């Protein structure tokens, strides 16, 4: 039986609110392009 190629990203955010300007330079388009180039099949996000 051939194996299936599956690429999953697991994001677990435990970022301290004491870190000033966290995420202020986040670029949505760059993030999307990175995920597409990496051929990600699934993303699991955990956050509080």
PDB file of N, CA and C in Angstrom:
ATOM      1  N   UNK A   1       0.846  -1.176   0.000  1.00  0.00           N
ATOM      2  CA  UNK A   1       0.000   0.000   0.000  1.00  0.00           C
ATOM      3  C   UNK A   1       0.895   1.244   0.000  1.00  0.00           C
ATOM      4  N   UNK A   2       0.679   2.161  -0.937  1.00  0.00           N
ATOM      5  CA  UNK A   2       1.498   3.384  -0.965  1.00  0.00           C
ATOM      6  C   UNK A   2       1.145   4.308   0.201  1.00  0.00           C
ATOM      7  N   UNK A   3       2.146   4.989   0.705  1.00  0.00           N
ATOM      8  CA  UNK A   3       1.886   5.926   1.799  1.00  0.00           C
ATOM      9  C   UNK A   3       1.356   7.243   1.237  1.00  0.00           C
ATOM     10  N   UNK A   4       0.526   7.889   2.013  1.00  0.00           N
ATOM     11  CA  UNK A   4      -0.031   9.182   1.622  1.00  0.00           C
ATOM     12  C   UNK A   4       0.868  10.289   2.149  1.00  0.00           C
ATOM     13  N   UNK A   5       1.125  11.253   1.317  1.00  0.00           N
ATOM     14  CA  UNK A   5       1.911  12.407   1.755  1.00  0.00           C
ATOM     15  C   UNK A   5       0.957  13.397   2.397  1.00  0.00           C
ATOM     16  N   UNK A   6       1.242  13.766   3.610  1.00  0.00           N
ATOM     17  CA  UNK A   6       0.366  14.674   4.340  1.00  0.00           C
ATOM     18  C   UNK A   6       1.230  15.612   5.164  1.00  0.00           C
ATOM     19  N   UNK A   7       1.035  16.882   4.984  1.00  0.00           N
ATOM     20  CA  UNK A   7       1.817  17.876   5.715  1.00  0.00           C
ATOM     21  C   UNK A   7       0.877  18.695   6.588  1.00  0.00           C
ATOM     22  N   UNK A   8       1.084  18.606   7.899  1.00  0.00           N
ATOM     23  CA  UNK A   8       0.234  19.309   8.850  1.00  0.00           C
ATOM     24  C   UNK A   8       1.077  20.275   9.673  1.00  0.00           C
ATOM     25  N   UNK A   9       0.526  21.447   9.914  1.00  0.00           N
ATOM     26  CA  UNK A   9       1.160  22.453  10.762  1.00  0.00           C
ATOM     27  C   UNK A   9       0.328  22.554  12.034  1.00  0.00           C
ATOM     28  N   UNK A  10       0.986  22.511  13.171  1.00  0.00           N
ATOM     29  CA  UNK A  10       0.319  22.611  14.471  1.00  0.00           C
ATOM     30  C   UNK A  10       0.770  23.915  15.121  1.00  0.00           C
ATOM     31  N   UNK A  11      -0.148  24.840  15.270  1.00  0.00           N
ATOM     32  CA  UNK A  11       0.167  26.137  15.883  1.00  0.00           C
ATOM     33  C   UNK A  11      -0.426  26.170  17.287  1.00  0.00           C
ATOM     34  N   UNK A  12       0.383  26.466  18.254  1.00  0.00           N
ATOM     35  CA  UNK A  12      -0.062  26.509  19.641  1.00  0.00           C
ATOM     36  C   UNK A  12       0.462  27.810  20.237  1.00  0.00           C
ATOM     37  N   UNK A  13      -0.416  28.762  20.424  1.00  0.00           N
ATOM     38  CA  UNK A  13      -0.004  30.096  20.855  1.00  0.00           C
ATOM     39  C   UNK A  13      -0.082  30.237  22.375  1.00  0.00           C
ATOM     40  N   UNK A  14       1.056  30.427  22.986  1.00  0.00           N
ATOM     41  CA  UNK A  14       1.152  30.727  24.416  1.00  0.00           C
ATOM     42  C   UNK A  14       2.081  31.930  24.545  1.00  0.00           C
ATOM     43  N   UNK A  15       1.680  33.018  23.945  1.00  0.00           N
ATOM     44  CA  UNK A  15       2.512  34.213  23.901  1.00  0.00           C
ATOM     45  C   UNK A  15       2.150  35.140  25.056  1.00  0.00           C
ATOM     46  N   UNK A  16       3.149  35.582  25.765  1.00  0.00           N
ATOM     47  CA  UNK A  16       2.934  36.468  26.901  1.00  0.00           C
ATOM     48  C   UNK A  16       2.396  37.822  26.437  1.00  0.00           C
ATOM     49  N   UNK A  17       1.387  38.347  27.117  1.00  0.00           N
ATOM     50  CA  UNK A  17       0.891  39.684  26.788  1.00  0.00           C
ATOM     51  C   UNK A  17       1.898  40.777  27.148  1.00  0.00           C
ATOM     52  N   UNK A  18       2.954  40.404  27.861  1.00  0.00           N
ATOM     53  CA  UNK A  18       3.980  41.374  28.246  1.00  0.00           C
ATOM     54  C   UNK A  18       4.971  41.668  27.121  1.00  0.00           C
ATOM     55  N   UNK A  19       4.884  40.933  26.014  1.00  0.00           N
ATOM     56  CA  UNK A  19       5.776  41.184  24.882  1.00  0.00           C
ATOM     57  C   UNK A  19       5.161  42.311  24.044  1.00  0.00           C
ATOM     58  N   UNK A  20       5.811  43.442  24.056  1.00  0.00           N
ATOM     59  CA  UNK A  20       5.282  44.622  23.356  1.00  0.00           C
ATOM     60  C   UNK A  20       5.251  44.412  21.844  1.00  0.00           C
ATOM     61  N   UNK A  21       4.176  44.834  21.218  1.00  0.00           N
ATOM     62  CA  UNK A  21       4.009  44.846  19.759  1.00  0.00           C
ATOM     63  C   UNK A  21       4.123  43.457  19.116  1.00  0.00           C
ATOM     64  N   UNK A  22       3.783  42.416  19.870  1.00  0.00           N
ATOM     65  CA  UNK A  22       3.858  41.062  19.313  1.00  0.00           C
ATOM     66  C   UNK A  22       2.910  40.956  18.109  1.00  0.00           C
ATOM     67  N   UNK A  23       3.413  40.486  17.024  1.00  0.00           N
ATOM     68  CA  UNK A  23       2.609  40.315  15.817  1.00  0.00           C
ATOM     69  C   UNK A  23       2.372  41.584  15.016  1.00  0.00           C
ATOM     70  N   UNK A  24       2.987  42.673  15.404  1.00  0.00           N
ATOM     71  CA  UNK A  24       2.723  43.949  14.728  1.00  0.00           C
ATOM     72  C   UNK A  24       3.232  43.972  13.284  1.00  0.00           C
ATOM     73  N   UNK A  25       4.191  43.109  12.962  1.00  0.00           N
ATOM     74  CA  UNK A  25       4.732  43.075  11.599  1.00  0.00           C
ATOM     75  C   UNK A  25       4.232  41.862  10.814  1.00  0.00           C
ATOM     76  N   UNK A  26       3.189  41.209  11.317  1.00  0.00           N
ATOM     77  CA  UNK A  26       2.643  40.037  10.629  1.00  0.00           C
ATOM     78  C   UNK A  26       2.125  40.437   9.252  1.00  0.00           C
ATOM     79  N   UNK A  27       2.501  39.664   8.249  1.00  0.00           N
ATOM     80  CA  UNK A  27       2.100  39.926   6.867  1.00  0.00           C
ATOM     81  C   UNK A  27       1.254  38.747   6.378  1.00  0.00           C
ATOM     82  N   UNK A  28      -0.045  38.957   6.303  1.00  0.00           N
ATOM     83  CA  UNK A  28      -0.977  37.893   5.931  1.00  0.00           C
ATOM     84  C   UNK A  28      -0.642  37.286   4.572  1.00  0.00           C
ATOM     85  N   UNK A  29      -0.322  38.106   3.610  1.00  0.00           N
ATOM     86  CA  UNK A  29      -0.020  37.620   2.259  1.00  0.00           C
ATOM     87  C   UNK A  29       1.239  36.746   2.263  1.00  0.00           C
ATOM     88  N   UNK A  30       2.251  37.174   2.980  1.00  0.00           N
ATOM     89  CA  UNK A  30       3.486  36.388   3.073  1.00  0.00           C
ATOM     90  C   UNK A  30       3.216  35.033   3.740  1.00  0.00           C
ATOM     91  N   UNK A  31       2.415  35.022   4.781  1.00  0.00           N
ATOM     92  CA  UNK A  31       2.049  33.785   5.482  1.00  0.00           C
ATOM     93  C   UNK A  31       1.308  32.838   4.531  1.00  0.00           C
ATOM     94  N   UNK A  32       0.362  33.367   3.771  1.00  0.00           N
ATOM     95  CA  UNK A  32      -0.386  32.549   2.806  1.00  0.00           C
ATOM     96  C   UNK A  32       0.548  31.949   1.757  1.00  0.00           C
ATOM     97  N   UNK A  33       1.441  32.751   1.232  1.00  0.00           N
ATOM     98  CA  UNK A  33       2.374  32.269   0.207  1.00  0.00           C
ATOM     99  C   UNK A  33       3.308  31.194   0.762  1.00  0.00           C
ATOM    100  N   UNK A  34       3.742  31.371   1.993  1.00  0.00           N
ATOM    101  CA  UNK A  34       4.615  30.378   2.623  1.00  0.00           C
ATOM    102  C   UNK A  34       3.899  29.042   2.771  1.00  0.00           C
ATOM    103  N   UNK A  35       2.651  29.073   3.226  1.00  0.00           N
ATOM    104  CA  UNK A  35       1.875  27.837   3.378  1.00  0.00           C
ATOM    105  C   UNK A  35       1.637  27.163   2.031  1.00  0.00           C
ATOM    106  N   UNK A  36       1.373  27.942   1.014  1.00  0.00           N
ATOM    107  CA  UNK A  36       1.153  27.378  -0.320  1.00  0.00           C
ATOM    108  C   UNK A  36       2.431  26.750  -0.870  1.00  0.00           C
ATOM    109  N   UNK A  37       3.560  27.435  -0.732  1.00  0.00           N
ATOM    110  CA  UNK A  37       4.836  26.892  -1.216  1.00  0.00           C
ATOM    111  C   UNK A  37       5.221  25.615  -0.474  1.00  0.00           C
ATOM    112  N   UNK A  38       4.856  25.534   0.807  1.00  0.00           N
ATOM    113  CA  UNK A  38       5.176  24.358   1.619  1.00  0.00           C
ATOM    114  C   UNK A  38       4.198  23.207   1.367  1.00  0.00           C
ATOM    115  N   UNK A  39       3.157  23.472   0.595  1.00  0.00           N
ATOM    116  CA  UNK A  39       2.144  22.458   0.262  1.00  0.00           C
ATOM    117  C   UNK A  39       1.504  21.859   1.513  1.00  0.00           C
ATOM    118  N   UNK A  40       1.119  22.747   2.429  1.00  0.00           N
ATOM    119  CA  UNK A  40       0.487  22.331   3.679  1.00  0.00           C
ATOM    120  C   UNK A  40      -0.928  21.840   3.386  1.00  0.00           C
ATOM    121  N   UNK A  41      -1.268  20.680   3.965  1.00  0.00           N
ATOM    122  CA  UNK A  41      -2.597  20.096   3.778  1.00  0.00           C
ATOM    123  C   UNK A  41      -3.564  20.474   4.892  1.00  0.00           C
ATOM    124  N   UNK A  42      -3.033  20.745   6.077  1.00  0.00           N
ATOM    125  CA  UNK A  42      -3.899  20.949   7.234  1.00  0.00           C
ATOM    126  C   UNK A  42      -3.193  21.841   8.244  1.00  0.00           C
ATOM    127  N   UNK A  43      -3.980  22.689   8.922  1.00  0.00           N
ATOM    128  CA  UNK A  43      -3.447  23.541   9.983  1.00  0.00           C
ATOM    129  C   UNK A  43      -4.340  23.376  11.202  1.00  0.00           C
ATOM    130  N   UNK A  44      -3.729  23.075  12.343  1.00  0.00           N
ATOM    131  CA  UNK A  44      -4.452  22.983  13.604  1.00  0.00           C
ATOM    132  C   UNK A  44      -3.994  24.146  14.468  1.00  0.00           C
ATOM    133  N   UNK A  45      -4.950  24.944  14.954  1.00  0.00           N
ATOM    134  CA  UNK A  45      -4.620  26.105  15.788  1.00  0.00           C
ATOM    135  C   UNK A  45      -5.241  25.955  17.171  1.00  0.00           C
ATOM    136  N   UNK A  46      -4.437  26.130  18.187  1.00  0.00           N
ATOM    137  CA  UNK A  46      -4.905  26.176  19.560  1.00  0.00           C
ATOM    138  C   UNK A  46      -4.545  27.557  20.087  1.00  0.00           C
ATOM    139  N   UNK A  47      -5.465  28.194  20.765  1.00  0.00           N
ATOM    140  CA  UNK A  47      -5.170  29.510  21.334  1.00  0.00           C
ATOM    141  C   UNK A  47      -6.061  29.758  22.536  1.00  0.00           C
ATOM    142  N   UNK A  48      -5.733  30.765  23.280  1.00  0.00           N
ATOM    143  CA  UNK A  48      -6.523  31.166  24.441  1.00  0.00           C
ATOM    144  C   UNK A  48      -6.978  32.580  24.247  1.00  0.00           C
TER     145      UNK A  48
END
